[in-house]
Amino acid sequence: MMKPSFSTVACPEWTLAQVAERAQANGFEAVELRTFGDDSTRFACDPALTGAEKVRRLFGDRGIEILVLATGVAFDEPVLPPVIGYAISDTERSVRAAQHAIDLAVAIECPFVRVFGFEPPANEKRATAVSRIVKRLRAVADHAHNTGIRVVIENGGAFGRAADLVELVGRCGDPLIGACYNVAIGHEFGDDVASAVEALGDRLWVARVKDHRDGTPCPLGEGRVPCERFVRALATAGFDGPLVFEWDRAWLANLAPAEEVLLNASARLWTWLGGHVPNSKMSAMAARMGTA
């Protein structure tokens, strides 16, 4: 069964202890932790800033899984100047960043690392850009071999549709590389959600939901993104991976704080999944609903 989760882009000011506590209180089974690497202090809950053993303990004590380590790593950076740039430029910076994220994922026992393809220069042939991105992704996958970690590419930029993810994953041809499909982005690019799920098939490893109304994020189920249809299509297809709710408060400070939207999102997800809330979550959610 899918595992309702939320991304810490909703709560950059929370500590890891608060993330674990509030995930449990709001009925989630898992979390996605956003990381910017060892030297960043942008998120109080960045797992790179805390010892791995402590990270595992904080979430394990609450019965919350860490299922996705989300990075902003993309592999579209061109090699400049052409040809000679391979000799005089740092062309593998993104590869090293993703490899470092894999090492962190191993340490905190998180099975998925999220990356992007993203937006090559407008004057570059698509085939050239795809070849460069795929080469870098393969180098990342090589680092993941024998670790138990899998790499998921999220749609966005020049690769906004499910078909684009199918292309990238297929070109990589590596069993450790799959897809993270964001339904809001796919919908924006004109995808039909059921067709997207079918096209991605068994290489869809992480699913992401967020809702928009008139271009602005809104509580789940209150906007125009077909989130419910997406979740039901996932269920029909037998998807059993992380189902991540995203609330972009880290990037849009005027959004409501996470504590005002997470309970509603969890309740919506469980309802769309058939309402079968595990007993371990029911009491916590009931208590929260009584005080919300």
Protein backbone atom coordinates (compact mmCIF):
# COMPACT_ATOMS: atom_id res chain seq x y z
CA MET A 1 0.00 0.00 0.00
CA MET A 2 1.10 3.57 -0.65
CA LYS A 3 2.70 5.44 2.24
CA PRO A 4 1.29 8.95 2.82
CA SER A 5 4.25 11.26 3.43
CA PHE A 6 5.05 14.96 3.39
CA SER A 7 8.05 16.95 2.28
CA THR A 8 9.90 19.22 4.68
CA VAL A 9 9.69 22.06 2.16
CA ALA A 10 6.47 22.67 4.14
CA CYS A 11 8.34 23.37 7.36
CA PRO A 12 11.92 24.61 6.89
CA GLU A 13 11.95 26.13 10.37
CA TRP A 14 11.10 22.88 12.20
CA THR A 15 13.76 20.73 13.81
CA LEU A 16 13.99 17.07 12.86
CA ALA A 17 12.39 16.18 16.20
CA GLN A 18 9.43 18.42 15.38
CA VAL A 19 9.12 16.89 11.90
CA ALA A 20 8.96 13.38 13.36
CA GLU A 21 6.54 14.36 16.13
CA ARG A 22 4.16 16.22 13.81
CA ALA A 23 4.29 13.56 11.12
CA GLN A 24 3.03 11.09 13.69
CA ALA A 25 0.44 13.50 15.10
CA ASN A 26 -0.97 14.27 11.66
CA GLY A 27 -1.34 10.66 10.55
CA PHE A 28 1.56 10.37 8.07
CA GLU A 29 3.56 7.18 7.75
CA ALA A 30 6.73 8.70 6.34
CA VAL A 31 8.56 11.87 5.38
CA GLU A 32 10.68 13.27 2.59
CA LEU A 33 13.64 15.25 3.95
CA ARG A 34 14.97 18.11 1.82
CA THR A 35 18.73 18.56 1.93
CA PHE A 36 21.10 21.23 0.65
CA GLY A 37 24.29 19.49 1.81
CA ASP A 38 26.72 19.76 4.67
CA ASP A 39 27.42 23.49 4.51
CA SER A 40 23.86 24.79 4.33
CA THR A 41 21.73 26.15 7.15
CA ARG A 42 18.67 26.94 5.01
CA PHE A 43 16.52 24.26 6.68
CA ALA A 44 16.63 23.55 10.40
CA CYS A 45 15.55 19.99 9.52
CA ASP A 46 18.26 19.31 6.93
CA PRO A 47 19.50 15.81 7.85
CA ALA A 48 23.01 16.68 6.67
CA LEU A 49 23.35 18.87 9.79
CA THR A 50 22.70 16.09 12.31
CA GLY A 51 24.45 12.82 13.06
CA ALA A 52 22.97 9.95 11.09
CA GLU A 53 22.37 7.79 14.17
CA LYS A 54 20.38 10.57 15.81
CA VAL A 55 18.34 11.14 12.64
CA ARG A 56 17.43 7.45 12.50
CA ARG A 57 16.52 7.40 16.19
CA LEU A 58 14.32 10.52 16.08
CA PHE A 59 12.12 9.05 13.37
CA GLY A 60 12.35 5.43 14.47
CA ASP A 61 11.10 6.30 17.95
CA ARG A 62 7.97 7.81 16.37
CA GLY A 63 7.41 4.99 13.91
CA ILE A 64 7.98 7.32 10.97
CA GLU A 65 9.97 6.19 7.95
CA ILE A 66 12.38 8.42 6.04
CA LEU A 67 11.59 7.37 2.48
CA VAL A 68 12.97 10.13 0.24
CA LEU A 69 16.03 12.37 0.46
CA ALA A 70 15.16 15.27 -1.84
CA THR A 71 17.95 17.24 -3.46
CA GLY A 72 17.94 20.09 -5.97
CA VAL A 73 20.67 18.43 -8.03
CA ALA A 74 20.18 18.73 -11.79
CA PHE A 75 22.40 17.49 -14.60
CA ASP A 76 21.70 20.00 -17.36
CA GLU A 77 24.76 22.26 -16.95
CA PRO A 78 26.43 22.63 -20.37
CA VAL A 79 30.11 22.00 -20.97
CA LEU A 80 31.71 25.33 -21.95
CA PRO A 81 33.58 25.91 -24.09
CA PRO A 82 32.54 22.84 -26.09
CA VAL A 83 35.00 19.93 -26.11
CA ILE A 84 37.85 21.74 -24.36
CA GLY A 85 35.51 22.45 -21.48
CA TYR A 86 35.88 18.83 -20.39
CA ALA A 87 39.55 19.55 -19.76
CA ILE A 88 39.39 22.98 -18.16
CA SER A 89 35.99 23.05 -16.39
CA ASP A 90 34.42 21.20 -13.48
CA THR A 91 31.89 19.22 -15.48
CA GLU A 92 31.10 16.66 -12.75
CA ARG A 93 30.00 18.97 -9.94
CA SER A 94 26.40 17.75 -10.08
CA VAL A 95 27.52 14.12 -10.11
CA ARG A 96 29.56 14.61 -6.94
CA ALA A 97 26.65 16.36 -5.21
CA ALA A 98 24.31 13.48 -6.03
CA GLN A 99 26.90 10.93 -4.95
CA HIS A 100 27.24 12.73 -1.64
CA ALA A 101 23.46 12.63 -1.22
CA ILE A 102 23.56 8.87 -1.81
CA ASP A 103 26.13 8.54 0.98
CA LEU A 104 23.84 10.51 3.28
CA ALA A 105 20.87 8.35 2.29
CA VAL A 106 22.86 5.23 3.17
CA ALA A 107 23.71 6.69 6.57
CA ILE A 108 20.11 7.59 7.48
CA GLU A 109 18.69 4.43 5.84
CA CYS A 110 16.59 6.28 3.27
CA PRO A 111 15.86 4.25 0.11
CA PHE A 112 15.34 7.02 -2.49
CA VAL A 113 17.35 10.08 -3.56
CA ARG A 114 15.48 12.62 -5.70
CA VAL A 115 17.22 14.56 -8.51
CA PHE A 116 16.20 16.48 -11.66
CA GLY A 117 17.10 16.58 -15.34
CA PHE A 118 15.92 20.15 -15.80
CA GLU A 119 16.40 22.91 -18.41
CA PRO A 120 19.24 22.77 -20.98
CA PRO A 121 20.11 25.95 -22.93
CA ALA A 122 17.47 26.95 -25.47
CA ASN A 123 19.97 26.88 -28.36
CA GLU A 124 21.14 23.34 -27.63
CA LYS A 125 19.80 20.31 -29.47
CA ARG A 126 17.66 18.19 -27.19
CA ALA A 127 19.51 15.00 -28.13
CA THR A 128 22.81 16.54 -27.05
CA ALA A 129 21.41 17.66 -23.71
CA VAL A 130 19.75 14.32 -23.03
CA SER A 131 23.01 12.48 -23.76
CA ARG A 132 24.90 14.68 -21.29
CA ILE A 133 22.24 14.29 -18.59
CA VAL A 134 22.07 10.53 -19.06
CA LYS A 135 25.85 10.19 -18.86
CA ARG A 136 25.88 12.02 -15.52
CA LEU A 137 22.92 10.03 -14.20
CA ARG A 138 24.71 6.78 -15.03
CA ALA A 139 27.74 7.94 -13.05
CA VAL A 140 25.46 8.61 -10.09
CA ALA A 141 23.84 5.19 -10.43
CA ASP A 142 27.29 3.56 -10.46
CA HIS A 143 27.91 5.12 -7.06
CA ALA A 144 24.60 3.72 -5.78
CA HIS A 145 25.37 0.12 -6.72
CA ASN A 146 25.49 -2.22 -3.71
CA THR A 147 24.10 0.49 -1.39
CA GLY A 148 20.37 -0.31 -1.52
CA ILE A 149 19.69 3.27 -2.65
CA ARG A 150 17.72 4.09 -5.79
CA VAL A 151 17.76 7.40 -7.69
CA VAL A 152 14.49 9.01 -8.83
CA ILE A 153 14.28 11.74 -11.46
CA GLU A 154 11.45 14.21 -10.89
CA ASN A 155 9.62 15.82 -13.81
CA GLY A 156 10.13 19.54 -14.38
CA GLY A 157 11.83 22.07 -16.64
CA ALA A 158 12.36 20.61 -20.11
CA PHE A 159 11.22 17.23 -18.80
CA GLY A 160 7.79 18.09 -17.43
CA ARG A 161 5.72 15.21 -18.82
CA ALA A 162 5.59 11.56 -17.91
CA ALA A 163 6.84 10.79 -21.43
CA ASP A 164 9.99 12.82 -20.72
CA LEU A 165 10.69 10.77 -17.60
CA VAL A 166 10.11 7.57 -19.58
CA GLU A 167 12.71 8.82 -22.07
CA LEU A 168 15.33 9.68 -19.46
CA VAL A 169 14.86 6.54 -17.39
CA GLY A 170 14.87 4.39 -20.51
CA ARG A 171 18.00 6.01 -21.91
CA CYS A 172 19.81 5.47 -18.61
CA GLY A 173 18.99 1.78 -18.74
CA ASP A 174 20.01 1.25 -15.14
CA PRO A 175 17.89 -0.68 -12.62
CA LEU A 176 18.73 1.85 -9.93
CA ILE A 177 17.20 4.81 -11.81
CA GLY A 178 13.45 5.43 -11.81
CA ALA A 179 10.88 8.20 -11.78
CA CYS A 180 9.38 10.62 -9.27
CA TYR A 181 6.22 12.01 -10.84
CA ASN A 182 4.81 15.32 -9.64
CA VAL A 183 1.16 15.42 -10.70
CA ALA A 184 0.93 19.23 -10.49
CA ILE A 185 3.81 19.64 -12.95
CA GLY A 186 2.53 16.91 -15.24
CA HIS A 187 -0.95 18.45 -15.24
CA GLU A 188 0.56 21.83 -16.13
CA PHE A 189 2.25 20.19 -19.13
CA GLY A 190 -1.02 18.62 -20.28
CA ASP A 191 -0.62 15.06 -19.02
CA ASP A 192 -3.65 12.88 -18.41
CA VAL A 193 -2.94 11.42 -14.98
CA ALA A 194 -4.13 7.87 -15.66
CA SER A 195 -2.13 7.73 -18.89
CA ALA A 196 0.93 9.10 -17.08
CA VAL A 197 0.76 6.40 -14.42
CA GLU A 198 0.33 3.73 -17.09
CA ALA A 199 3.24 5.07 -19.16
CA LEU A 200 5.62 5.14 -16.19
CA GLY A 201 4.61 1.66 -15.11
CA ASP A 202 6.90 -0.13 -12.71
CA ARG A 203 9.59 2.56 -12.98
CA LEU A 204 7.40 4.98 -11.01
CA TRP A 205 8.90 4.76 -7.55
CA VAL A 206 7.87 8.04 -5.88
CA ALA A 207 4.60 9.94 -6.44
CA ARG A 208 4.09 13.59 -5.49
CA VAL A 209 0.88 15.57 -4.96
CA LYS A 210 0.25 19.26 -4.52
CA ASP A 211 -2.70 21.40 -5.48
CA HIS A 212 -3.02 24.80 -7.17
CA ARG A 213 -5.83 27.26 -7.67
CA ASP A 214 -5.27 30.12 -10.14
CA GLY A 215 -1.54 29.49 -10.04
CA THR A 216 -1.31 29.62 -6.26
CA PRO A 217 -0.77 26.61 -3.96
CA CYS A 218 -3.90 25.70 -2.01
CA PRO A 219 -4.88 22.95 0.45
CA LEU A 220 -4.99 19.50 -1.06
CA GLY A 221 -8.28 18.75 -2.80
CA GLU A 222 -9.34 22.39 -3.08
CA GLY A 223 -7.65 23.30 -6.35
CA ARG A 224 -7.63 22.33 -10.00
CA VAL A 225 -4.94 19.66 -10.03
CA PRO A 226 -6.53 16.20 -10.38
CA CYS A 227 -4.87 14.89 -7.23
CA GLU A 228 -7.67 12.50 -6.26
CA ARG A 229 -7.79 10.97 -9.75
CA PHE A 230 -4.02 10.58 -9.62
CA VAL A 231 -4.08 8.78 -6.27
CA ARG A 232 -6.86 6.49 -7.45
CA ALA A 233 -4.95 5.74 -10.67
CA LEU A 234 -1.91 4.88 -8.57
CA ALA A 235 -4.00 2.53 -6.44
CA THR A 236 -5.45 0.84 -9.52
CA ALA A 237 -1.93 0.35 -10.90
CA GLY A 238 -0.78 -1.25 -7.63
CA PHE A 239 1.71 1.50 -6.77
CA ASP A 240 3.07 0.92 -3.26
CA GLY A 241 5.73 3.60 -2.86
CA PRO A 242 5.92 6.98 -1.10
CA LEU A 243 3.00 9.33 -1.81
CA VAL A 244 4.50 12.71 -0.93
CA PHE A 245 2.42 15.81 -0.18
CA GLU A 246 4.27 19.02 -1.04
CA TRP A 247 3.46 22.44 0.42
CA ASP A 248 5.86 25.06 -0.93
CA ARG A 249 6.21 27.24 2.13
CA ALA A 250 10.02 27.12 1.90
CA TRP A 251 9.81 29.02 -1.39
CA LEU A 252 6.60 31.03 -0.77
CA ALA A 253 6.72 32.57 2.69
CA ASN A 254 3.16 33.92 2.47
CA LEU A 255 1.66 30.42 2.49
CA ALA A 256 -0.06 29.16 5.64
CA PRO A 257 2.29 27.37 8.04
CA ALA A 258 2.55 23.60 7.79
CA GLU A 259 0.57 22.95 10.96
CA GLU A 260 -2.50 24.48 9.28
CA VAL A 261 -2.44 22.20 6.20
CA LEU A 262 -0.87 18.86 7.11
CA LEU A 263 -3.81 17.31 8.93
CA ASN A 264 -6.17 18.12 6.06
CA ALA A 265 -3.67 16.68 3.56
CA SER A 266 -3.26 13.47 5.54
CA ALA A 267 -7.01 13.03 5.93
CA ARG A 268 -7.54 13.60 2.19
CA LEU A 269 -4.88 11.09 1.22
CA TRP A 270 -6.24 8.40 3.52
CA THR A 271 -9.76 9.04 2.22
CA TRP A 272 -8.61 8.70 -1.38
CA LEU A 273 -6.81 5.50 -0.44
CA GLY A 274 -10.07 4.05 0.80
CA GLY A 275 -10.16 5.41 4.32
CA HIS A 276 -8.16 2.56 5.81
CA VAL A 277 -6.20 4.54 8.39
CA PRO A 278 -3.92 2.23 10.40
CA ASN A 279 -4.87 1.97 14.07
CA SER A 280 -1.46 3.36 14.99
CA LYS A 281 -2.37 6.60 13.17
CA MET A 282 -6.06 6.79 14.07
CA SER A 283 -5.68 7.86 17.68
CA ALA A 284 -3.14 10.56 16.87
CA MET A 285 -5.30 11.96 14.08
CA ALA A 286 -8.42 11.87 16.23
CA ALA A 287 -6.64 13.80 18.95
CA ARG A 288 -5.43 16.39 16.46
CA MET A 289 -8.87 16.74 14.88
CA GLY A 290 -10.31 17.41 18.29
CA THR A 291 -7.97 20.34 18.79
CA ALA A 292 -7.69 21.66 15.22
